[in-house]
Amino acid sequence: MELGTLSEWVAATAETLAVIVALFLPYYTQRQARKARAKRFEKIVSQGISRLAEGDLADLDDFKSFVKISSLLEIDDDLLALLQIGQTAVNVIGSATTLTQTQQHDLAELQQQLRLV
């Protein structure tokens, strides 16, 4: 039984590595894209809740739209958890034009909860 030449071994190793890369590169790329998307969602929800907690209700309709549309389109459970916190913030405010102490406290708690997700 012959083991073959060094060049055959190098070629076989290179082919094996190429197959491994071809199989796992899409998974790695998808995972990185999911992480980046989660960061963007967290930033948007966090900034939205921060503005609402400060009493800036001018962008409330845009925030509501973002949360509603994203919730309908998203299938990732982690991102849905972030969006649920955003929806809870929208529910806390309701149709108010100014925030009460209770609403501000509830929004502060949501910001803390968002950091834990």
PDB file of N, CA and C in Angstrom:
ATOM      1  N   MET A   1       0.830  -1.169   0.000  1.00  0.00           N
ATOM      2  CA  MET A   1       0.000   0.000   0.000  1.00  0.00           C
ATOM      3  C   MET A   1       0.886   1.248   0.000  1.00  0.00           C
ATOM      4  N   GLU A   2       0.681   2.083  -0.997  1.00  0.00           N
ATOM      5  CA  GLU A   2       1.459   3.311  -1.095  1.00  0.00           C
ATOM      6  C   GLU A   2       0.655   4.468  -0.516  1.00  0.00           C
ATOM      7  N   LEU A   3       1.335   5.358   0.152  1.00  0.00           N
ATOM      8  CA  LEU A   3       0.686   6.511   0.763  1.00  0.00           C
ATOM      9  C   LEU A   3       0.553   7.674  -0.208  1.00  0.00           C
ATOM     10  N   GLY A   4       1.240   7.688  -1.278  1.00  0.00           N
ATOM     11  CA  GLY A   4       1.156   8.768  -2.246  1.00  0.00           C
ATOM     12  C   GLY A   4       2.231   9.799  -2.026  1.00  0.00           C
ATOM     13  N   THR A   5       2.301  10.706  -2.958  1.00  0.00           N
ATOM     14  CA  THR A   5       3.324  11.744  -2.880  1.00  0.00           C
ATOM     15  C   THR A   5       2.861  12.894  -2.000  1.00  0.00           C
ATOM     16  N   LEU A   6       3.815  13.710  -1.652  1.00  0.00           N
ATOM     17  CA  LEU A   6       3.508  14.870  -0.811  1.00  0.00           C
ATOM     18  C   LEU A   6       2.521  15.803  -1.511  1.00  0.00           C
ATOM     19  N   SER A   7       2.668  15.979  -2.809  1.00  0.00           N
ATOM     20  CA  SER A   7       1.768  16.873  -3.543  1.00  0.00           C
ATOM     21  C   SER A   7       0.327  16.359  -3.519  1.00  0.00           C
ATOM     22  N   GLU A   8       0.137  15.059  -3.548  1.00  0.00           N
ATOM     23  CA  GLU A   8      -1.216  14.510  -3.452  1.00  0.00           C
ATOM     24  C   GLU A   8      -1.821  14.764  -2.074  1.00  0.00           C
ATOM     25  N   TRP A   9      -1.008  14.651  -1.042  1.00  0.00           N
ATOM     26  CA  TRP A   9      -1.474  14.920   0.307  1.00  0.00           C
ATOM     27  C   TRP A   9      -1.850  16.402   0.479  1.00  0.00           C
ATOM     28  N   VAL A  10      -1.032  17.266  -0.054  1.00  0.00           N
ATOM     29  CA  VAL A  10      -1.326  18.707   0.028  1.00  0.00           C
ATOM     30  C   VAL A  10      -2.610  19.025  -0.730  1.00  0.00           C
ATOM     31  N   ALA A  11      -2.777  18.444  -1.903  1.00  0.00           N
ATOM     32  CA  ALA A  11      -3.989  18.684  -2.696  1.00  0.00           C
ATOM     33  C   ALA A  11      -5.219  18.158  -1.981  1.00  0.00           C
ATOM     34  N   ALA A  12      -5.127  16.991  -1.391  1.00  0.00           N
ATOM     35  CA  ALA A  12      -6.265  16.414  -0.668  1.00  0.00           C
ATOM     36  C   ALA A  12      -6.623  17.256   0.552  1.00  0.00           C
ATOM     37  N   THR A  13      -5.615  17.726   1.262  1.00  0.00           N
ATOM     38  CA  THR A  13      -5.857  18.590   2.427  1.00  0.00           C
ATOM     39  C   THR A  13      -6.505  19.899   2.004  1.00  0.00           C
ATOM     40  N   ALA A  14      -6.034  20.484   0.923  1.00  0.00           N
ATOM     41  CA  ALA A  14      -6.608  21.736   0.420  1.00  0.00           C
ATOM     42  C   ALA A  14      -8.062  21.528   0.000  1.00  0.00           C
ATOM     43  N   GLU A  15      -8.360  20.427  -0.640  1.00  0.00           N
ATOM     44  CA  GLU A  15      -9.738  20.144  -1.044  1.00  0.00           C
ATOM     45  C   GLU A  15     -10.646  19.966   0.166  1.00  0.00           C
ATOM     46  N   THR A  16     -10.142  19.272   1.178  1.00  0.00           N
ATOM     47  CA  THR A  16     -10.917  19.078   2.398  1.00  0.00           C
ATOM     48  C   THR A  16     -11.207  20.413   3.075  1.00  0.00           C
ATOM     49  N   LEU A  17     -10.212  21.266   3.170  1.00  0.00           N
ATOM     50  CA  LEU A  17     -10.407  22.590   3.761  1.00  0.00           C
ATOM     51  C   LEU A  17     -11.381  23.428   2.937  1.00  0.00           C
ATOM     52  N   ALA A  18     -11.313  23.315   1.625  1.00  0.00           N
ATOM     53  CA  ALA A  18     -12.235  24.060   0.760  1.00  0.00           C
ATOM     54  C   ALA A  18     -13.676  23.612   0.985  1.00  0.00           C
ATOM     55  N   VAL A  19     -13.882  22.330   1.153  1.00  0.00           N
ATOM     56  CA  VAL A  19     -15.238  21.820   1.416  1.00  0.00           C
ATOM     57  C   VAL A  19     -15.732  22.305   2.771  1.00  0.00           C
ATOM     58  N   ILE A  20     -14.861  22.274   3.772  1.00  0.00           N
ATOM     59  CA  ILE A  20     -15.252  22.739   5.114  1.00  0.00           C
ATOM     60  C   ILE A  20     -15.632  24.212   5.076  1.00  0.00           C
ATOM     61  N   VAL A  21     -14.835  25.014   4.420  1.00  0.00           N
ATOM     62  CA  VAL A  21     -15.133  26.445   4.303  1.00  0.00           C
ATOM     63  C   VAL A  21     -16.429  26.662   3.541  1.00  0.00           C
ATOM     64  N   ALA A  22     -16.622  25.926   2.463  1.00  0.00           N
ATOM     65  CA  ALA A  22     -17.837  26.081   1.660  1.00  0.00           C
ATOM     66  C   ALA A  22     -19.082  25.702   2.447  1.00  0.00           C
ATOM     67  N   LEU A  23     -18.967  24.741   3.353  1.00  0.00           N
ATOM     68  CA  LEU A  23     -20.125  24.323   4.141  1.00  0.00           C
ATOM     69  C   LEU A  23     -20.442  25.293   5.280  1.00  0.00           C
ATOM     70  N   PHE A  24     -19.414  25.824   5.924  1.00  0.00           N
ATOM     71  CA  PHE A  24     -19.642  26.618   7.129  1.00  0.00           C
ATOM     72  C   PHE A  24     -19.604  28.127   6.924  1.00  0.00           C
ATOM     73  N   LEU A  25     -19.130  28.598   5.805  1.00  0.00           N
ATOM     74  CA  LEU A  25     -19.091  30.036   5.562  1.00  0.00           C
ATOM     75  C   LEU A  25     -20.486  30.666   5.510  1.00  0.00           C
ATOM     76  N   PRO A  26     -21.462  30.056   4.836  1.00  0.00           N
ATOM     77  CA  PRO A  26     -22.808  30.646   4.852  1.00  0.00           C
ATOM     78  C   PRO A  26     -23.403  30.715   6.259  1.00  0.00           C
ATOM     79  N   TYR A  27     -23.170  29.696   7.063  1.00  0.00           N
ATOM     80  CA  TYR A  27     -23.666  29.704   8.441  1.00  0.00           C
ATOM     81  C   TYR A  27     -23.031  30.844   9.226  1.00  0.00           C
ATOM     82  N   TYR A  28     -21.733  30.999   9.101  1.00  0.00           N
ATOM     83  CA  TYR A  28     -21.020  32.064   9.812  1.00  0.00           C
ATOM     84  C   TYR A  28     -21.498  33.438   9.353  1.00  0.00           C
ATOM     85  N   THR A  29     -21.659  33.618   8.056  1.00  0.00           N
ATOM     86  CA  THR A  29     -22.121  34.898   7.514  1.00  0.00           C
ATOM     87  C   THR A  29     -23.526  35.221   7.997  1.00  0.00           C
ATOM     88  N   GLN A  30     -24.388  34.237   7.993  1.00  0.00           N
ATOM     89  CA  GLN A  30     -25.760  34.437   8.462  1.00  0.00           C
ATOM     90  C   GLN A  30     -25.777  34.786   9.954  1.00  0.00           C
ATOM     91  N   ARG A  31     -24.933  34.141  10.711  1.00  0.00           N
ATOM     92  CA  ARG A  31     -24.868  34.415  12.146  1.00  0.00           C
ATOM     93  C   ARG A  31     -24.389  35.839  12.414  1.00  0.00           C
ATOM     94  N   GLN A  32     -23.387  36.275  11.677  1.00  0.00           N
ATOM     95  CA  GLN A  32     -22.890  37.644  11.838  1.00  0.00           C
ATOM     96  C   GLN A  32     -23.950  38.658  11.440  1.00  0.00           C
ATOM     97  N   ALA A  33     -24.681  38.377  10.356  1.00  0.00           N
ATOM     98  CA  ALA A  33     -25.744  39.289   9.917  1.00  0.00           C
ATOM     99  C   ALA A  33     -26.849  39.354  10.961  1.00  0.00           C
ATOM    100  N   ARG A  34     -27.174  38.223  11.586  1.00  0.00           N
ATOM    101  CA  ARG A  34     -28.207  38.194  12.616  1.00  0.00           C
ATOM    102  C   ARG A  34     -27.772  39.016  13.835  1.00  0.00           C
ATOM    103  N   LYS A  35     -26.498  38.908  14.214  1.00  0.00           N
ATOM    104  CA  LYS A  35     -25.984  39.690  15.337  1.00  0.00           C
ATOM    105  C   LYS A  35     -26.057  41.189  15.033  1.00  0.00           C
ATOM    106  N   ALA A  36     -25.675  41.556  13.820  1.00  0.00           N
ATOM    107  CA  ALA A  36     -25.717  42.973  13.437  1.00  0.00           C
ATOM    108  C   ALA A  36     -27.153  43.480  13.434  1.00  0.00           C
ATOM    109  N   ARG A  37     -28.076  42.676  12.930  1.00  0.00           N
ATOM    110  CA  ARG A  37     -29.490  43.061  12.914  1.00  0.00           C
ATOM    111  C   ARG A  37     -30.020  43.215  14.337  1.00  0.00           C
ATOM    112  N   ALA A  38     -29.633  42.316  15.227  1.00  0.00           N
ATOM    113  CA  ALA A  38     -30.066  42.405  16.621  1.00  0.00           C
ATOM    114  C   ALA A  38     -29.528  43.678  17.272  1.00  0.00           C
ATOM    115  N   LYS A  39     -28.292  44.043  16.959  1.00  0.00           N
ATOM    116  CA  LYS A  39     -27.729  45.282  17.507  1.00  0.00           C
ATOM    117  C   LYS A  39     -28.500  46.503  17.008  1.00  0.00           C
ATOM    118  N   ARG A  40     -28.831  46.501  15.710  1.00  0.00           N
ATOM    119  CA  ARG A  40     -29.591  47.626  15.150  1.00  0.00           C
ATOM    120  C   ARG A  40     -30.962  47.733  15.809  1.00  0.00           C
ATOM    121  N   PHE A  41     -31.644  46.614  15.950  1.00  0.00           N
ATOM    122  CA  PHE A  41     -32.964  46.624  16.576  1.00  0.00           C
ATOM    123  C   PHE A  41     -32.866  47.115  18.015  1.00  0.00           C
ATOM    124  N   GLU A  42     -31.868  46.617  18.753  1.00  0.00           N
ATOM    125  CA  GLU A  42     -31.706  47.026  20.143  1.00  0.00           C
ATOM    126  C   GLU A  42     -31.436  48.526  20.238  1.00  0.00           C
ATOM    127  N   LYS A  43     -30.621  49.039  19.320  1.00  0.00           N
ATOM    128  CA  LYS A  43     -30.312  50.473  19.327  1.00  0.00           C
ATOM    129  C   LYS A  43     -31.557  51.303  19.022  1.00  0.00           C
ATOM    130  N   ILE A  44     -32.331  50.883  18.042  1.00  0.00           N
ATOM    131  CA  ILE A  44     -33.543  51.628  17.673  1.00  0.00           C
ATOM    132  C   ILE A  44     -34.544  51.630  18.820  1.00  0.00           C
ATOM    133  N   VAL A  45     -34.772  50.456  19.413  1.00  0.00           N
ATOM    134  CA  VAL A  45     -35.737  50.369  20.513  1.00  0.00           C
ATOM    135  C   VAL A  45     -35.234  51.139  21.723  1.00  0.00           C
ATOM    136  N   SER A  46     -33.952  51.020  22.020  1.00  0.00           N
ATOM    137  CA  SER A  46     -33.379  51.731  23.159  1.00  0.00           C
ATOM    138  C   SER A  46     -33.485  53.247  22.988  1.00  0.00           C
ATOM    139  N   GLN A  47     -33.119  53.737  21.810  1.00  0.00           N
ATOM    140  CA  GLN A  47     -33.217  55.180  21.570  1.00  0.00           C
ATOM    141  C   GLN A  47     -34.663  55.644  21.599  1.00  0.00           C
ATOM    142  N   GLY A  48     -35.559  54.841  21.062  1.00  0.00           N
ATOM    143  CA  GLY A  48     -36.976  55.201  21.072  1.00  0.00           C
ATOM    144  C   GLY A  48     -37.510  55.313  22.479  1.00  0.00           C
ATOM    145  N   ILE A  49     -37.195  54.335  23.325  1.00  0.00           N
ATOM    146  CA  ILE A  49     -37.665  54.369  24.712  1.00  0.00           C
ATOM    147  C   ILE A  49     -37.015  55.524  25.461  1.00  0.00           C
ATOM    148  N   SER A  50     -35.744  55.802  25.189  1.00  0.00           N
ATOM    149  CA  SER A  50     -35.065  56.926  25.854  1.00  0.00           C
ATOM    150  C   SER A  50     -35.747  58.253  25.516  1.00  0.00           C
ATOM    151  N   ARG A  51     -36.053  58.436  24.242  1.00  0.00           N
ATOM    152  CA  ARG A  51     -36.744  59.675  23.841  1.00  0.00           C
ATOM    153  C   ARG A  51     -38.117  59.777  24.484  1.00  0.00           C
ATOM    154  N   LEU A  52     -38.814  58.661  24.514  1.00  0.00           N
ATOM    155  CA  LEU A  52     -40.145  58.676  25.126  1.00  0.00           C
ATOM    156  C   LEU A  52     -40.041  58.964  26.619  1.00  0.00           C
ATOM    157  N   ALA A  53     -39.040  58.390  27.285  1.00  0.00           N
ATOM    158  CA  ALA A  53     -38.864  58.612  28.717  1.00  0.00           C
ATOM    159  C   ALA A  53     -38.531  60.070  29.025  1.00  0.00           C
ATOM    160  N   GLU A  54     -37.870  60.737  28.090  1.00  0.00           N
ATOM    161  CA  GLU A  54     -37.548  62.152  28.272  1.00  0.00           C
ATOM    162  C   GLU A  54     -38.752  63.047  28.006  1.00  0.00           C
ATOM    163  N   GLY A  55     -39.834  62.458  27.524  1.00  0.00           N
ATOM    164  CA  GLY A  55     -41.037  63.233  27.249  1.00  0.00           C
ATOM    165  C   GLY A  55     -41.152  63.697  25.821  1.00  0.00           C
ATOM    166  N   ASP A  56     -40.229  63.285  24.955  1.00  0.00           N
ATOM    167  CA  ASP A  56     -40.262  63.656  23.540  1.00  0.00           C
ATOM    168  C   ASP A  56     -41.188  62.691  22.804  1.00  0.00           C
ATOM    169  N   LEU A  57     -42.439  63.064  22.679  1.00  0.00           N
ATOM    170  CA  LEU A  57     -43.446  62.197  22.065  1.00  0.00           C
ATOM    171  C   LEU A  57     -43.670  62.521  20.588  1.00  0.00           C
ATOM    172  N   ALA A  58     -42.812  63.354  20.017  1.00  0.00           N
ATOM    173  CA  ALA A  58     -42.982  63.760  18.620  1.00  0.00           C
ATOM    174  C   ALA A  58     -42.814  62.589  17.660  1.00  0.00           C
ATOM    175  N   ASP A  59     -41.909  61.674  17.975  1.00  0.00           N
ATOM    176  CA  ASP A  59     -41.641  60.541  17.089  1.00  0.00           C
ATOM    177  C   ASP A  59     -42.385  59.276  17.505  1.00  0.00           C
ATOM    178  N   LEU A  60     -43.390  59.421  18.350  1.00  0.00           N
ATOM    179  CA  LEU A  60     -44.116  58.253  18.848  1.00  0.00           C
ATOM    180  C   LEU A  60     -44.784  57.473  17.720  1.00  0.00           C
ATOM    181  N   ASP A  61     -45.372  58.172  16.765  1.00  0.00           N
ATOM    182  CA  ASP A  61     -46.041  57.476  15.655  1.00  0.00           C
ATOM    183  C   ASP A  61     -45.050  56.684  14.814  1.00  0.00           C
ATOM    184  N   ASP A  62     -43.876  57.250  14.563  1.00  0.00           N
ATOM    185  CA  ASP A  62     -42.845  56.523  13.810  1.00  0.00           C
ATOM    186  C   ASP A  62     -42.383  55.282  14.582  1.00  0.00           C
ATOM    187  N   PHE A  63     -42.218  55.442  15.888  1.00  0.00           N
ATOM    188  CA  PHE A  63     -41.786  54.315  16.715  1.00  0.00           C
ATOM    189  C   PHE A  63     -42.859  53.223  16.732  1.00  0.00           C
ATOM    190  N   LYS A  64     -44.106  53.622  16.850  1.00  0.00           N
ATOM    191  CA  LYS A  64     -45.211  52.652  16.807  1.00  0.00           C
ATOM    192  C   LYS A  64     -45.196  51.885  15.494  1.00  0.00           C
ATOM    193  N   SER A  65     -45.026  52.599  14.409  1.00  0.00           N
ATOM    194  CA  SER A  65     -45.015  51.968  13.083  1.00  0.00           C
ATOM    195  C   SER A  65     -43.854  50.992  12.953  1.00  0.00           C
ATOM    196  N   PHE A  66     -42.678  51.402  13.413  1.00  0.00           N
ATOM    197  CA  PHE A  66     -41.519  50.523  13.350  1.00  0.00           C
ATOM    198  C   PHE A  66     -41.763  49.230  14.116  1.00  0.00           C
ATOM    199  N   VAL A  67     -42.265  49.366  15.326  1.00  0.00           N
ATOM    200  CA  VAL A  67     -42.490  48.190  16.170  1.00  0.00           C
ATOM    201  C   VAL A  67     -43.546  47.276  15.548  1.00  0.00           C
ATOM    202  N   LYS A  68     -44.626  47.860  15.075  1.00  0.00           N
ATOM    203  CA  LYS A  68     -45.708  47.052  14.523  1.00  0.00           C
ATOM    204  C   LYS A  68     -45.275  46.320  13.248  1.00  0.00           C
ATOM    205  N   ILE A  69     -44.675  47.038  12.326  1.00  0.00           N
ATOM    206  CA  ILE A  69     -44.269  46.429  11.050  1.00  0.00           C
ATOM    207  C   ILE A  69     -43.164  45.400  11.273  1.00  0.00           C
ATOM    208  N   SER A  70     -42.185  45.736  12.089  1.00  0.00           N
ATOM    209  CA  SER A  70     -41.092  44.803  12.354  1.00  0.00           C
ATOM    210  C   SER A  70     -41.589  43.547  13.062  1.00  0.00           C
ATOM    211  N   SER A  71     -42.557  43.707  13.958  1.00  0.00           N
ATOM    212  CA  SER A  71     -43.112  42.547  14.656  1.00  0.00           C
ATOM    213  C   SER A  71     -43.832  41.611  13.696  1.00  0.00           C
ATOM    214  N   LEU A  72     -44.481  42.186  12.714  1.00  0.00           N
ATOM    215  CA  LEU A  72     -45.190  41.354  11.738  1.00  0.00           C
ATOM    216  C   LEU A  72     -44.234  40.608  10.814  1.00  0.00           C
ATOM    217  N   LEU A  73     -43.098  41.215  10.499  1.00  0.00           N
ATOM    218  CA  LEU A  73     -42.169  40.635   9.544  1.00  0.00           C
ATOM    219  C   LEU A  73     -41.115  39.730  10.169  1.00  0.00           C
ATOM    220  N   GLU A  74     -40.859  39.904  11.446  1.00  0.00           N
ATOM    221  CA  GLU A  74     -39.749  39.206  12.087  1.00  0.00           C
ATOM    222  C   GLU A  74     -40.157  37.814  12.557  1.00  0.00           C
ATOM    223  N   ILE A  75     -39.236  36.856  12.429  1.00  0.00           N
ATOM    224  CA  ILE A  75     -39.491  35.504  12.905  1.00  0.00           C
ATOM    225  C   ILE A  75     -38.488  35.062  13.969  1.00  0.00           C
ATOM    226  N   ASP A  76     -37.451  35.838  14.186  1.00  0.00           N
ATOM    227  CA  ASP A  76     -36.425  35.504  15.178  1.00  0.00           C
ATOM    228  C   ASP A  76     -36.956  35.826  16.577  1.00  0.00           C
ATOM    229  N   ASP A  77     -36.920  34.853  17.474  1.00  0.00           N
ATOM    230  CA  ASP A  77     -37.471  35.029  18.817  1.00  0.00           C
ATOM    231  C   ASP A  77     -36.748  36.103  19.618  1.00  0.00           C
ATOM    232  N   ASP A  78     -35.441  36.207  19.470  1.00  0.00           N
ATOM    233  CA  ASP A  78     -34.684  37.220  20.212  1.00  0.00           C
ATOM    234  C   ASP A  78     -35.079  38.633  19.770  1.00  0.00           C
ATOM    235  N   LEU A  79     -35.219  38.818  18.469  1.00  0.00           N
ATOM    236  CA  LEU A  79     -35.623  40.131  17.965  1.00  0.00           C
ATOM    237  C   LEU A  79     -37.076  40.432  18.327  1.00  0.00           C
ATOM    238  N   LEU A  80     -37.908  39.412  18.345  1.00  0.00           N
ATOM    239  CA  LEU A  80     -39.297  39.621  18.765  1.00  0.00           C
ATOM    240  C   LEU A  80     -39.375  40.033  20.231  1.00  0.00           C
ATOM    241  N   ALA A  81     -38.459  39.528  21.054  1.00  0.00           N
ATOM    242  CA  ALA A  81     -38.420  39.930  22.462  1.00  0.00           C
ATOM    243  C   ALA A  81     -38.083  41.420  22.580  1.00  0.00           C
ATOM    244  N   LEU A  82     -37.139  41.887  21.760  1.00  0.00           N
ATOM    245  CA  LEU A  82     -36.812  43.316  21.753  1.00  0.00           C
ATOM    246  C   LEU A  82     -38.009  44.146  21.313  1.00  0.00           C
ATOM    247  N   LEU A  83     -38.673  43.685  20.273  1.00  0.00           N
ATOM    248  CA  LEU A  83     -39.831  44.419  19.756  1.00  0.00           C
ATOM    249  C   LEU A  83     -40.989  44.399  20.746  1.00  0.00           C
ATOM    250  N   GLN A  84     -41.102  43.324  21.518  1.00  0.00           N
ATOM    251  CA  GLN A  84     -42.156  43.263  22.534  1.00  0.00           C
ATOM    252  C   GLN A  84     -41.933  44.320  23.607  1.00  0.00           C
ATOM    253  N   ILE A  85     -40.680  44.562  23.950  1.00  0.00           N
ATOM    254  CA  ILE A  85     -40.376  45.632  24.912  1.00  0.00           C
ATOM    255  C   ILE A  85     -40.771  46.984  24.318  1.00  0.00           C
ATOM    256  N   GLY A  86     -40.488  47.173  23.037  1.00  0.00           N
ATOM    257  CA  GLY A  86     -40.903  48.410  22.365  1.00  0.00           C
ATOM    258  C   GLY A  86     -42.419  48.555  22.354  1.00  0.00           C
ATOM    259  N   GLN A  87     -43.136  47.458  22.108  1.00  0.00           N
ATOM    260  CA  GLN A  87     -44.593  47.501  22.111  1.00  0.00           C
ATOM    261  C   GLN A  87     -45.122  47.808  23.504  1.00  0.00           C
ATOM    262  N   THR A  88     -44.477  47.273  24.519  1.00  0.00           N
ATOM    263  CA  THR A  88     -44.876  47.572  25.897  1.00  0.00           C
ATOM    264  C   THR A  88     -44.696  49.057  26.186  1.00  0.00           C
ATOM    265  N   ALA A  89     -43.617  49.652  25.683  1.00  0.00           N
ATOM    266  CA  ALA A  89     -43.402  51.094  25.866  1.00  0.00           C
ATOM    267  C   ALA A  89     -44.509  51.890  25.195  1.00  0.00           C
ATOM    268  N   VAL A  90     -44.902  51.467  24.009  1.00  0.00           N
ATOM    269  CA  VAL A  90     -45.999  52.146  23.308  1.00  0.00           C
ATOM    270  C   VAL A  90     -47.285  52.012  24.104  1.00  0.00           C
ATOM    271  N   ASN A  91     -47.522  50.835  24.667  1.00  0.00           N
ATOM    272  CA  ASN A  91     -48.727  50.621  25.467  1.00  0.00           C
ATOM    273  C   ASN A  91     -48.718  51.448  26.747  1.00  0.00           C
ATOM    274  N   VAL A  92     -47.538  51.623  27.343  1.00  0.00           N
ATOM    275  CA  VAL A  92     -47.427  52.433  28.560  1.00  0.00           C
ATOM    276  C   VAL A  92     -47.843  53.868  28.277  1.00  0.00           C
ATOM    277  N   ILE A  93     -47.436  54.385  27.142  1.00  0.00           N
ATOM    278  CA  ILE A  93     -47.753  55.777  26.809  1.00  0.00           C
ATOM    279  C   ILE A  93     -49.205  55.914  26.376  1.00  0.00           C
ATOM    280  N   GLY A  94     -49.694  54.951  25.615  1.00  0.00           N
ATOM    281  CA  GLY A  94     -51.078  55.011  25.163  1.00  0.00           C
ATOM    282  C   GLY A  94     -51.311  56.224  24.284  1.00  0.00           C
ATOM    283  N   SER A  95     -52.309  56.986  24.630  1.00  0.00           N
ATOM    284  CA  SER A  95     -52.636  58.185  23.854  1.00  0.00           C
ATOM    285  C   SER A  95     -52.293  59.467  24.610  1.00  0.00           C
ATOM    286  N   ALA A  96     -51.417  59.335  25.592  1.00  0.00           N
ATOM    287  CA  ALA A  96     -51.055  60.499  26.412  1.00  0.00           C
ATOM    288  C   ALA A  96     -50.243  61.511  25.596  1.00  0.00           C
ATOM    289  N   THR A  97     -50.419  62.777  25.950  1.00  0.00           N
ATOM    290  CA  THR A  97     -49.633  63.831  25.310  1.00  0.00           C
ATOM    291  C   THR A  97     -48.486  64.293  26.202  1.00  0.00           C
ATOM    292  N   THR A  98     -48.602  64.031  27.491  1.00  0.00           N
ATOM    293  CA  THR A  98     -47.514  64.279  28.441  1.00  0.00           C
ATOM    294  C   THR A  98     -47.401  63.048  29.335  1.00  0.00           C
ATOM    295  N   LEU A  99     -46.222  62.855  29.876  1.00  0.00           N
ATOM    296  CA  LEU A  99     -45.984  61.657  30.678  1.00  0.00           C
ATOM    297  C   LEU A  99     -46.198  61.930  32.160  1.00  0.00           C
ATOM    298  N   THR A 100     -46.806  60.970  32.826  1.00  0.00           N
ATOM    299  CA  THR A 100     -46.951  61.041  34.273  1.00  0.00           C
ATOM    300  C   THR A 100     -45.713  60.425  34.912  1.00  0.00           C
ATOM    301  N   GLN A 101     -45.616  60.553  36.216  1.00  0.00           N
ATOM    302  CA  GLN A 101     -44.489  59.956  36.938  1.00  0.00           C
ATOM    303  C   GLN A 101     -44.502  58.434  36.785  1.00  0.00           C
ATOM    304  N   THR A 102     -45.682  57.854  36.829  1.00  0.00           N
ATOM    305  CA  THR A 102     -45.803  56.398  36.696  1.00  0.00           C
ATOM    306  C   THR A 102     -45.327  55.942  35.321  1.00  0.00           C
ATOM    307  N   GLN A 103     -45.706  56.665  34.283  1.00  0.00           N
ATOM    308  CA  GLN A 103     -45.283  56.308  32.930  1.00  0.00           C
ATOM    309  C   GLN A 103     -43.766  56.436  32.784  1.00  0.00           C
ATOM    310  N   GLN A 104     -43.197  57.497  33.346  1.00  0.00           N
ATOM    311  CA  GLN A 104     -41.747  57.661  33.288  1.00  0.00           C
ATOM    312  C   GLN A 104     -41.034  56.533  34.024  1.00  0.00           C
ATOM    313  N   HIS A 105     -41.589  56.144  35.166  1.00  0.00           N
ATOM    314  CA  HIS A 105     -41.009  55.039  35.932  1.00  0.00           C
ATOM    315  C   HIS A 105     -41.102  53.726  35.146  1.00  0.00           C
ATOM    316  N   ASP A 106     -42.251  53.486  34.528  1.00  0.00           N
ATOM    317  CA  ASP A 106     -42.434  52.266  33.734  1.00  0.00           C
ATOM    318  C   ASP A 106     -41.474  52.231  32.539  1.00  0.00           C
ATOM    319  N   LEU A 107     -41.264  53.377  31.908  1.00  0.00           N
ATOM    320  CA  LEU A 107     -40.328  53.436  30.786  1.00  0.00           C
ATOM    321  C   LEU A 107     -38.890  53.201  31.250  1.00  0.00           C
ATOM    322  N   ALA A 108     -38.550  53.710  32.427  1.00  0.00           N
ATOM    323  CA  ALA A 108     -37.206  53.465  32.979  1.00  0.00           C
ATOM    324  C   ALA A 108     -37.008  51.973  33.257  1.00  0.00           C
ATOM    325  N   GLU A 109     -38.056  51.315  33.758  1.00  0.00           N
ATOM    326  CA  GLU A 109     -37.974  49.872  33.996  1.00  0.00           C
ATOM    327  C   GLU A 109     -37.811  49.112  32.676  1.00  0.00           C
ATOM    328  N   LEU A 110     -38.481  49.570  31.637  1.00  0.00           N
ATOM    329  CA  LEU A 110     -38.339  48.932  30.321  1.00  0.00           C
ATOM    330  C   LEU A 110     -36.923  49.097  29.781  1.00  0.00           C
ATOM    331  N   GLN A 111     -36.317  50.244  30.044  1.00  0.00           N
ATOM    332  CA  GLN A 111     -34.925  50.446  29.610  1.00  0.00           C
ATOM    333  C   GLN A 111     -34.011  49.457  30.326  1.00  0.00           C
ATOM    334  N   GLN A 112     -34.249  49.230  31.604  1.00  0.00           N
ATOM    335  CA  GLN A 112     -33.458  48.248  32.361  1.00  0.00           C
ATOM    336  C   GLN A 112     -33.684  46.846  31.804  1.00  0.00           C
ATOM    337  N   GLN A 113     -34.931  46.534  31.507  1.00  0.00           N
ATOM    338  CA  GLN A 113     -35.263  45.231  30.950  1.00  0.00           C
ATOM    339  C   GLN A 113     -34.613  45.031  29.584  1.00  0.00           C
ATOM    340  N   LEU A 114     -34.538  46.093  28.819  1.00  0.00           N
ATOM    341  CA  LEU A 114     -33.928  46.018  27.493  1.00  0.00           C
ATOM    342  C   LEU A 114     -32.442  45.683  27.596  1.00  0.00           C
ATOM    343  N   ARG A 115     -31.787  46.193  28.609  1.00  0.00           N
ATOM    344  CA  ARG A 115     -30.364  45.913  28.787  1.00  0.00           C
ATOM    345  C   ARG A 115     -30.105  44.447  29.132  1.00  0.00           C
ATOM    346  N   LEU A 116     -31.116  43.792  29.721  1.00  0.00           N
ATOM    347  CA  LEU A 116     -30.964  42.390  30.118  1.00  0.00           C
ATOM    348  C   LEU A 116     -31.220  41.422  28.982  1.00  0.00           C
ATOM    349  N   VAL A 117     -31.878  41.894  27.921  1.00  0.00           N
ATOM    350  CA  VAL A 117     -32.215  40.999  26.809  1.00  0.00           C
ATOM    351  C   VAL A 117     -31.045  40.748  25.917  1.00  0.00           C
TER     352      VAL A 117
END
